[in-house]
C-alpha atoms as a PDB file:
ATOM      1  CA  UNK A   1       0.268  -0.171  -0.148  1.00  0.00           C
ATOM      2  CA  UNK A   2       2.837   2.354   0.411  1.00  0.00           C
ATOM      3  CA  UNK A   3       4.577   1.882  -2.468  1.00  0.00           C
ATOM      4  CA  UNK A   4       0.882   2.543  -4.046  1.00  0.00           C
ATOM      5  CA  UNK A   5       1.138   5.639  -2.558  1.00  0.00           C
ATOM      6  CA  UNK A   6       4.605   6.825  -3.100  1.00  0.00           C
ATOM      7  CA  UNK A   7       3.849   6.032  -6.577  1.00  0.00           C
ATOM      8  CA  UNK A   8       0.636   7.910  -6.902  1.00  0.00           C
ATOM      9  CA  UNK A   9       3.032  11.141  -5.165  1.00  0.00           C
ATOM     10  CA  UNK A  10       5.583  11.093  -7.338  1.00  0.00           C
ATOM     11  CA  UNK A  11       3.565  10.951 -10.683  1.00  0.00           C
ATOM     12  CA  UNK A  12       1.131  13.747  -9.230  1.00  0.00           C
ATOM     13  CA  UNK A  13       3.703  15.853  -8.220  1.00  0.00           C
ATOM     14  CA  UNK A  14       5.785  15.181 -12.281  1.00  0.00           C
ATOM     15  CA  UNK A  15       2.063  16.352 -13.143  1.00  0.00           C
ATOM     16  CA  UNK A  16       2.042  19.456 -11.095  1.00  0.00           C
ATOM     17  CA  UNK A  17       5.655  20.773 -11.831  1.00  0.00           C
ATOM     18  CA  UNK A  18       4.789  19.830 -15.677  1.00  0.00           C
ATOM     19  CA  UNK A  19       1.213  21.634 -15.983  1.00  0.00           C
ATOM     20  CA  UNK A  20       3.061  24.725 -14.397  1.00  0.00           C
ATOM     21  CA  UNK A  21       5.641  24.433 -17.269  1.00  0.00           C
ATOM     22  CA  UNK A  22       2.836  24.252 -19.542  1.00  0.00           C
ATOM     23  CA  UNK A  23       0.706  27.126 -18.351  1.00  0.00           C
ATOM     24  CA  UNK A  24       3.782  29.322 -18.428  1.00  0.00           C
ATOM     25  CA  UNK A  25       4.392  28.648 -22.301  1.00  0.00           C
ATOM     26  CA  UNK A  26       1.015  29.047 -23.048  1.00  0.00           C
ATOM     27  CA  UNK A  27       0.989  32.303 -20.936  1.00  0.00           C
ATOM     28  CA  UNK A  28       4.369  33.552 -23.050  1.00  0.00           C
ATOM     29  CA  UNK A  29       2.481  32.774 -26.657  1.00  0.00           C
ATOM     30  CA  UNK A  30      -0.984  34.144 -25.371  1.00  0.00           C
ATOM     31  CA  UNK A  31      -2.822  30.988 -25.620  1.00  0.00           C
ATOM     32  CA  UNK A  32      -5.872  29.289 -23.737  1.00  0.00           C
ATOM     33  CA  UNK A  33      -4.663  28.608 -20.141  1.00  0.00           C
ATOM     34  CA  UNK A  34      -4.964  26.071 -17.871  1.00  0.00           C
ATOM     35  CA  UNK A  35      -8.031  27.231 -15.255  1.00  0.00           C
ATOM     36  CA  UNK A  36      -6.630  28.096 -11.735  1.00  0.00           C
ATOM     37  CA  UNK A  37      -9.007  25.840 -10.530  1.00  0.00           C
ATOM     38  CA  UNK A  38      -7.266  22.630 -12.150  1.00  0.00           C
ATOM     39  CA  UNK A  39      -3.502  24.187 -10.987  1.00  0.00           C
ATOM     40  CA  UNK A  40      -5.161  24.377  -7.309  1.00  0.00           C
ATOM     41  CA  UNK A  41      -6.811  21.413  -7.395  1.00  0.00           C
ATOM     42  CA  UNK A  42      -3.933  19.462  -8.552  1.00  0.00           C
ATOM     43  CA  UNK A  43      -2.046  20.833  -5.199  1.00  0.00           C
ATOM     44  CA  UNK A  44      -4.828  19.183  -3.201  1.00  0.00           C
ATOM     45  CA  UNK A  45      -4.676  16.044  -4.570  1.00  0.00           C
ATOM     46  CA  UNK A  46      -1.187  15.721  -3.340  1.00  0.00           C
ATOM     47  CA  UNK A  47       0.829  17.524  -6.043  1.00  0.00           C
ATOM     48  CA  UNK A  48       1.512  20.784  -3.801  1.00  0.00           C
ATOM     49  CA  UNK A  49       5.689  20.040  -3.926  1.00  0.00           C
ATOM     50  CA  UNK A  50       5.464  20.171  -7.790  1.00  0.00           C
ATOM     51  CA  UNK A  51       3.562  23.095  -7.912  1.00  0.00           C
ATOM     52  CA  UNK A  52       6.067  24.769  -5.777  1.00  0.00           C
ATOM     53  CA  UNK A  53       9.169  23.514  -7.785  1.00  0.00           C
ATOM     54  CA  UNK A  54       7.289  24.464 -10.955  1.00  0.00           C
ATOM     55  CA  UNK A  55       6.288  27.960  -9.484  1.00  0.00           C
ATOM     56  CA  UNK A  56       9.893  28.557  -8.487  1.00  0.00           C
ATOM     57  CA  UNK A  57      11.522  27.129 -11.761  1.00  0.00           C
ATOM     58  CA  UNK A  58       9.454  28.782 -14.021  1.00  0.00           C
ATOM     59  CA  UNK A  59       8.529  31.792 -12.266  1.00  0.00           C
ATOM     60  CA  UNK A  60       4.990  31.370 -12.933  1.00  0.00           C
ATOM     61  CA  UNK A  61       2.295  32.651 -10.492  1.00  0.00           C
ATOM     62  CA  UNK A  62       4.453  33.846  -8.302  1.00  0.00           C
ATOM     63  CA  UNK A  63       2.621  36.873  -7.864  1.00  0.00           C
ATOM     64  CA  UNK A  64      -0.597  35.754  -6.730  1.00  0.00           C
ATOM     65  CA  UNK A  65      -1.496  35.361  -3.427  1.00  0.00           C
ATOM     66  CA  UNK A  66      -3.384  32.226  -3.720  1.00  0.00           C
ATOM     67  CA  UNK A  67      -0.598  30.711  -5.005  1.00  0.00           C
ATOM     68  CA  UNK A  68       2.288  32.059  -3.131  1.00  0.00           C
ATOM     69  CA  UNK A  69       0.248  31.528  -0.067  1.00  0.00           C
ATOM     70  CA  UNK A  70      -2.755  28.661  -0.891  1.00  0.00           C
ATOM     71  CA  UNK A  71       0.239  26.029  -2.221  1.00  0.00           C
ATOM     72  CA  UNK A  72       2.450  25.865   0.681  1.00  0.00           C
ATOM     73  CA  UNK A  73      -0.577  26.105   2.825  1.00  0.00           C
ATOM     74  CA  UNK A  74      -1.932  23.035   1.290  1.00  0.00           C
ATOM     75  CA  UNK A  75       1.072  21.519   1.301  1.00  0.00           C
ATOM     76  CA  UNK A  76       1.523  22.000   5.128  1.00  0.00           C
ATOM     77  CA  UNK A  77      -2.118  20.723   5.732  1.00  0.00           C
ATOM     78  CA  UNK A  78      -1.124  17.704   3.672  1.00  0.00           C
ATOM     79  CA  UNK A  79       1.958  16.760   6.048  1.00  0.00           C
ATOM     80  CA  UNK A  80      -0.204  17.357   8.999  1.00  0.00           C
ATOM     81  CA  UNK A  81      -2.908  15.051   7.959  1.00  0.00           C
ATOM     82  CA  UNK A  82       0.068  12.548   6.976  1.00  0.00           C
ATOM     83  CA  UNK A  83       1.428  12.911  10.535  1.00  0.00           C
ATOM     84  CA  UNK A  84      -1.816  12.415  11.959  1.00  0.00           C
ATOM     85  CA  UNK A  85      -2.540   9.460   9.817  1.00  0.00           C
ATOM     86  CA  UNK A  86       0.641   7.816  11.058  1.00  0.00           C
ATOM     87  CA  UNK A  87       0.606   8.469  14.567  1.00  0.00           C
ATOM     88  CA  UNK A  88      -3.137   6.750  14.733  1.00  0.00           C
ATOM     89  CA  UNK A  89      -1.329   3.530  13.448  1.00  0.00           C
END
């Protein structure tokens, strides 16, 4: 079960990283953008680390408080919930 969970986290964070790259490229070329709900949704479902790395590497969404505060907050909440889960078992 742990192996499946780690594989999921690896894939969702890789997706989060590359989706930030895609959105940045689309912003540069003034093309259709990925909705903010989708970007934040990836963070909520476990991709917060990848999103943070993507924000940092591509300097994307770094002026939006929704992302500079929201994504780290989501990550902290996920870490907190993981700690609570493992303390219970």
